[in-house]
Amino acid sequence: MITIHPVRVPRDLKEFVRLARSIYPPDSPWIQPPDSVLLDYLNPRRNPFFRDGVGQALLAKRGDKTVGRVLAH
């Protein structure tokens, strides 16, 4: 069963940012943006979207293993 957990603490945020590295194979054409870009995007003080909008980063877990991520806004 997959459960959804909101990102609330720095450890979860770090996991959210780095998760794609474990999902996409090394030979994938997908290129992950730098961590600093993703962290700025998720930071309400740095992303203008959050002036008028709301968003929540979520982690999908199967047992103790994180298997996905979603940014709901």
N, C-alpha and C. Protein backbone atom coordinates (compact mmCIF):
# COMPACT_ATOMS: atom_id res chain seq x y z
N MET A 1 0.84 -1.17 0.00
CA MET A 1 0.00 0.00 0.00
C MET A 1 0.89 1.25 0.00
N ILE A 2 0.50 2.22 -0.78
CA ILE A 2 1.23 3.48 -0.84
C ILE A 2 0.52 4.50 0.05
N THR A 3 1.31 5.19 0.87
CA THR A 3 0.77 6.24 1.72
C THR A 3 1.41 7.57 1.33
N ILE A 4 0.69 8.64 1.57
CA ILE A 4 1.15 9.98 1.22
C ILE A 4 1.47 10.74 2.50
N HIS A 5 2.66 11.38 2.53
CA HIS A 5 3.11 12.11 3.72
C HIS A 5 3.51 13.52 3.32
N PRO A 6 3.03 14.54 4.02
CA PRO A 6 3.46 15.91 3.70
C PRO A 6 4.92 16.13 4.10
N VAL A 7 5.60 16.95 3.34
CA VAL A 7 6.97 17.32 3.66
C VAL A 7 6.89 18.43 4.71
N ARG A 8 7.40 18.15 5.92
CA ARG A 8 7.29 19.11 7.01
C ARG A 8 8.61 19.46 7.65
N VAL A 9 9.58 18.57 7.57
CA VAL A 9 10.86 18.79 8.25
C VAL A 9 11.99 18.79 7.20
N PRO A 10 13.12 19.39 7.53
CA PRO A 10 14.22 19.48 6.56
C PRO A 10 14.66 18.13 5.98
N ARG A 11 14.61 17.08 6.78
CA ARG A 11 15.00 15.75 6.28
C ARG A 11 14.07 15.31 5.15
N ASP A 12 12.77 15.56 5.29
CA ASP A 12 11.80 15.23 4.24
C ASP A 12 12.04 16.07 2.99
N LEU A 13 12.37 17.34 3.18
CA LEU A 13 12.64 18.21 2.04
C LEU A 13 13.85 17.72 1.26
N LYS A 14 14.89 17.33 1.97
CA LYS A 14 16.09 16.79 1.32
C LYS A 14 15.74 15.53 0.53
N GLU A 15 14.92 14.68 1.12
CA GLU A 15 14.50 13.45 0.43
C GLU A 15 13.68 13.79 -0.81
N PHE A 16 12.79 14.78 -0.71
CA PHE A 16 11.97 15.20 -1.84
C PHE A 16 12.85 15.66 -3.00
N VAL A 17 13.85 16.47 -2.69
CA VAL A 17 14.73 17.02 -3.72
C VAL A 17 15.57 15.94 -4.38
N ARG A 18 16.06 15.00 -3.61
CA ARG A 18 16.99 13.99 -4.14
C ARG A 18 16.33 12.72 -4.68
N LEU A 19 15.04 12.57 -4.49
CA LEU A 19 14.36 11.33 -4.85
C LEU A 19 14.51 10.96 -6.33
N ALA A 20 14.41 11.92 -7.21
CA ALA A 20 14.46 11.61 -8.65
C ALA A 20 15.75 10.91 -9.04
N ARG A 21 16.82 11.18 -8.33
CA ARG A 21 18.10 10.51 -8.65
C ARG A 21 17.99 9.00 -8.49
N SER A 22 17.15 8.55 -7.58
CA SER A 22 17.02 7.11 -7.36
C SER A 22 15.97 6.48 -8.29
N ILE A 23 15.15 7.31 -8.91
CA ILE A 23 14.10 6.79 -9.79
C ILE A 23 14.58 6.67 -11.24
N TYR A 24 15.25 7.73 -11.72
CA TYR A 24 15.71 7.73 -13.11
C TYR A 24 17.06 7.03 -13.22
N PRO A 25 17.22 6.19 -14.23
CA PRO A 25 18.51 5.51 -14.42
C PRO A 25 19.59 6.50 -14.86
N PRO A 26 20.86 6.16 -14.62
CA PRO A 26 21.95 7.07 -15.00
C PRO A 26 21.99 7.43 -16.48
N ASP A 27 21.51 6.54 -17.35
CA ASP A 27 21.55 6.82 -18.78
C ASP A 27 20.28 7.50 -19.30
N SER A 28 19.43 7.97 -18.39
CA SER A 28 18.19 8.65 -18.77
C SER A 28 18.50 10.01 -19.39
N PRO A 29 17.73 10.43 -20.39
CA PRO A 29 17.93 11.77 -20.96
C PRO A 29 17.44 12.89 -20.04
N TRP A 30 16.69 12.55 -19.01
CA TRP A 30 16.20 13.55 -18.06
C TRP A 30 17.36 14.11 -17.25
N ILE A 31 17.38 15.41 -17.12
CA ILE A 31 18.43 16.08 -16.35
C ILE A 31 17.78 16.80 -15.19
N GLN A 32 18.18 16.45 -13.98
CA GLN A 32 17.62 17.09 -12.80
C GLN A 32 18.18 18.49 -12.63
N PRO A 33 17.31 19.46 -12.31
CA PRO A 33 17.82 20.79 -12.02
C PRO A 33 18.70 20.74 -10.78
N PRO A 34 19.57 21.71 -10.61
CA PRO A 34 20.39 21.75 -9.40
C PRO A 34 19.51 21.79 -8.14
N ASP A 35 20.00 21.17 -7.07
CA ASP A 35 19.24 21.15 -5.81
C ASP A 35 18.84 22.55 -5.38
N SER A 36 19.73 23.52 -5.56
CA SER A 36 19.44 24.89 -5.11
C SER A 36 18.23 25.47 -5.84
N VAL A 37 18.04 25.12 -7.10
CA VAL A 37 16.89 25.61 -7.86
C VAL A 37 15.61 25.00 -7.31
N LEU A 38 15.61 23.71 -7.05
CA LEU A 38 14.42 23.06 -6.48
C LEU A 38 14.12 23.60 -5.09
N LEU A 39 15.13 23.80 -4.28
CA LEU A 39 14.92 24.33 -2.93
C LEU A 39 14.34 25.74 -2.98
N ASP A 40 14.82 26.57 -3.90
CA ASP A 40 14.25 27.91 -4.06
C ASP A 40 12.79 27.83 -4.51
N TYR A 41 12.50 26.91 -5.42
CA TYR A 41 11.14 26.74 -5.92
C TYR A 41 10.18 26.35 -4.78
N LEU A 42 10.67 25.57 -3.84
CA LEU A 42 9.83 25.10 -2.73
C LEU A 42 9.82 26.05 -1.54
N ASN A 43 10.62 27.11 -1.59
CA ASN A 43 10.74 28.03 -0.47
C ASN A 43 9.73 29.18 -0.63
N PRO A 44 8.77 29.29 0.30
CA PRO A 44 7.76 30.36 0.19
C PRO A 44 8.35 31.77 0.19
N ARG A 45 9.51 31.96 0.78
CA ARG A 45 10.13 33.29 0.81
C ARG A 45 10.82 33.64 -0.51
N ARG A 46 11.16 32.64 -1.30
CA ARG A 46 11.91 32.88 -2.55
C ARG A 46 11.07 32.70 -3.81
N ASN A 47 9.95 32.00 -3.72
CA ASN A 47 9.13 31.75 -4.90
C ASN A 47 7.92 32.68 -4.89
N PRO A 48 7.79 33.57 -5.87
CA PRO A 48 6.68 34.53 -5.88
C PRO A 48 5.30 33.87 -5.94
N PHE A 49 5.23 32.62 -6.40
CA PHE A 49 3.93 31.93 -6.43
C PHE A 49 3.27 31.94 -5.06
N PHE A 50 4.06 31.79 -4.01
CA PHE A 50 3.50 31.66 -2.67
C PHE A 50 2.96 32.98 -2.10
N ARG A 51 3.17 34.10 -2.80
CA ARG A 51 2.57 35.36 -2.34
C ARG A 51 1.05 35.28 -2.39
N ASP A 52 0.53 34.64 -3.43
CA ASP A 52 -0.92 34.53 -3.60
C ASP A 52 -1.43 33.09 -3.58
N GLY A 53 -0.53 32.13 -3.76
CA GLY A 53 -0.95 30.74 -3.86
C GLY A 53 -0.45 29.91 -2.68
N VAL A 54 -0.94 28.70 -2.61
CA VAL A 54 -0.49 27.76 -1.59
C VAL A 54 -0.03 26.49 -2.28
N GLY A 55 0.89 25.81 -1.64
CA GLY A 55 1.40 24.56 -2.19
C GLY A 55 1.88 23.65 -1.08
N GLN A 56 1.92 22.37 -1.36
CA GLN A 56 2.39 21.40 -0.37
C GLN A 56 3.16 20.31 -1.10
N ALA A 57 4.40 20.10 -0.67
CA ALA A 57 5.20 18.99 -1.19
C ALA A 57 4.79 17.72 -0.45
N LEU A 58 4.65 16.63 -1.19
CA LEU A 58 4.21 15.36 -0.63
C LEU A 58 5.15 14.24 -1.06
N LEU A 59 5.38 13.30 -0.17
CA LEU A 59 6.16 12.10 -0.49
C LEU A 59 5.24 10.89 -0.49
N ALA A 60 5.39 10.03 -1.48
CA ALA A 60 4.64 8.77 -1.55
C ALA A 60 5.56 7.67 -1.03
N LYS A 61 5.06 6.89 -0.08
CA LYS A 61 5.89 5.83 0.52
C LYS A 61 5.17 4.49 0.44
N ARG A 62 5.97 3.49 0.17
CA ARG A 62 5.50 2.10 0.24
C ARG A 62 6.30 1.48 1.38
N GLY A 63 5.65 1.32 2.52
CA GLY A 63 6.36 0.90 3.72
C GLY A 63 7.30 2.02 4.13
N ASP A 64 8.58 1.70 4.29
CA ASP A 64 9.58 2.71 4.67
C ASP A 64 10.29 3.32 3.46
N LYS A 65 10.00 2.82 2.26
CA LYS A 65 10.70 3.29 1.06
C LYS A 65 9.90 4.38 0.36
N THR A 66 10.57 5.49 0.06
CA THR A 66 9.93 6.56 -0.69
C THR A 66 9.95 6.19 -2.17
N VAL A 67 8.77 6.22 -2.79
CA VAL A 67 8.64 5.77 -4.18
C VAL A 67 8.14 6.87 -5.12
N GLY A 68 7.81 8.03 -4.59
CA GLY A 68 7.34 9.10 -5.46
C GLY A 68 7.23 10.42 -4.73
N ARG A 69 7.03 11.48 -5.50
CA ARG A 69 6.86 12.81 -4.93
C ARG A 69 5.86 13.59 -5.76
N VAL A 70 5.18 14.53 -5.10
CA VAL A 70 4.17 15.36 -5.76
C VAL A 70 4.26 16.74 -5.14
N LEU A 71 4.10 17.77 -5.96
CA LEU A 71 3.95 19.11 -5.44
C LEU A 71 2.55 19.56 -5.82
N ALA A 72 1.68 19.65 -4.84
CA ALA A 72 0.28 20.06 -5.06
C ALA A 72 0.18 21.56 -4.83
N HIS A 73 -0.40 22.25 -5.83
CA HIS A 73 -0.62 23.69 -5.67
C HIS A 73 -1.83 24.11 -6.46
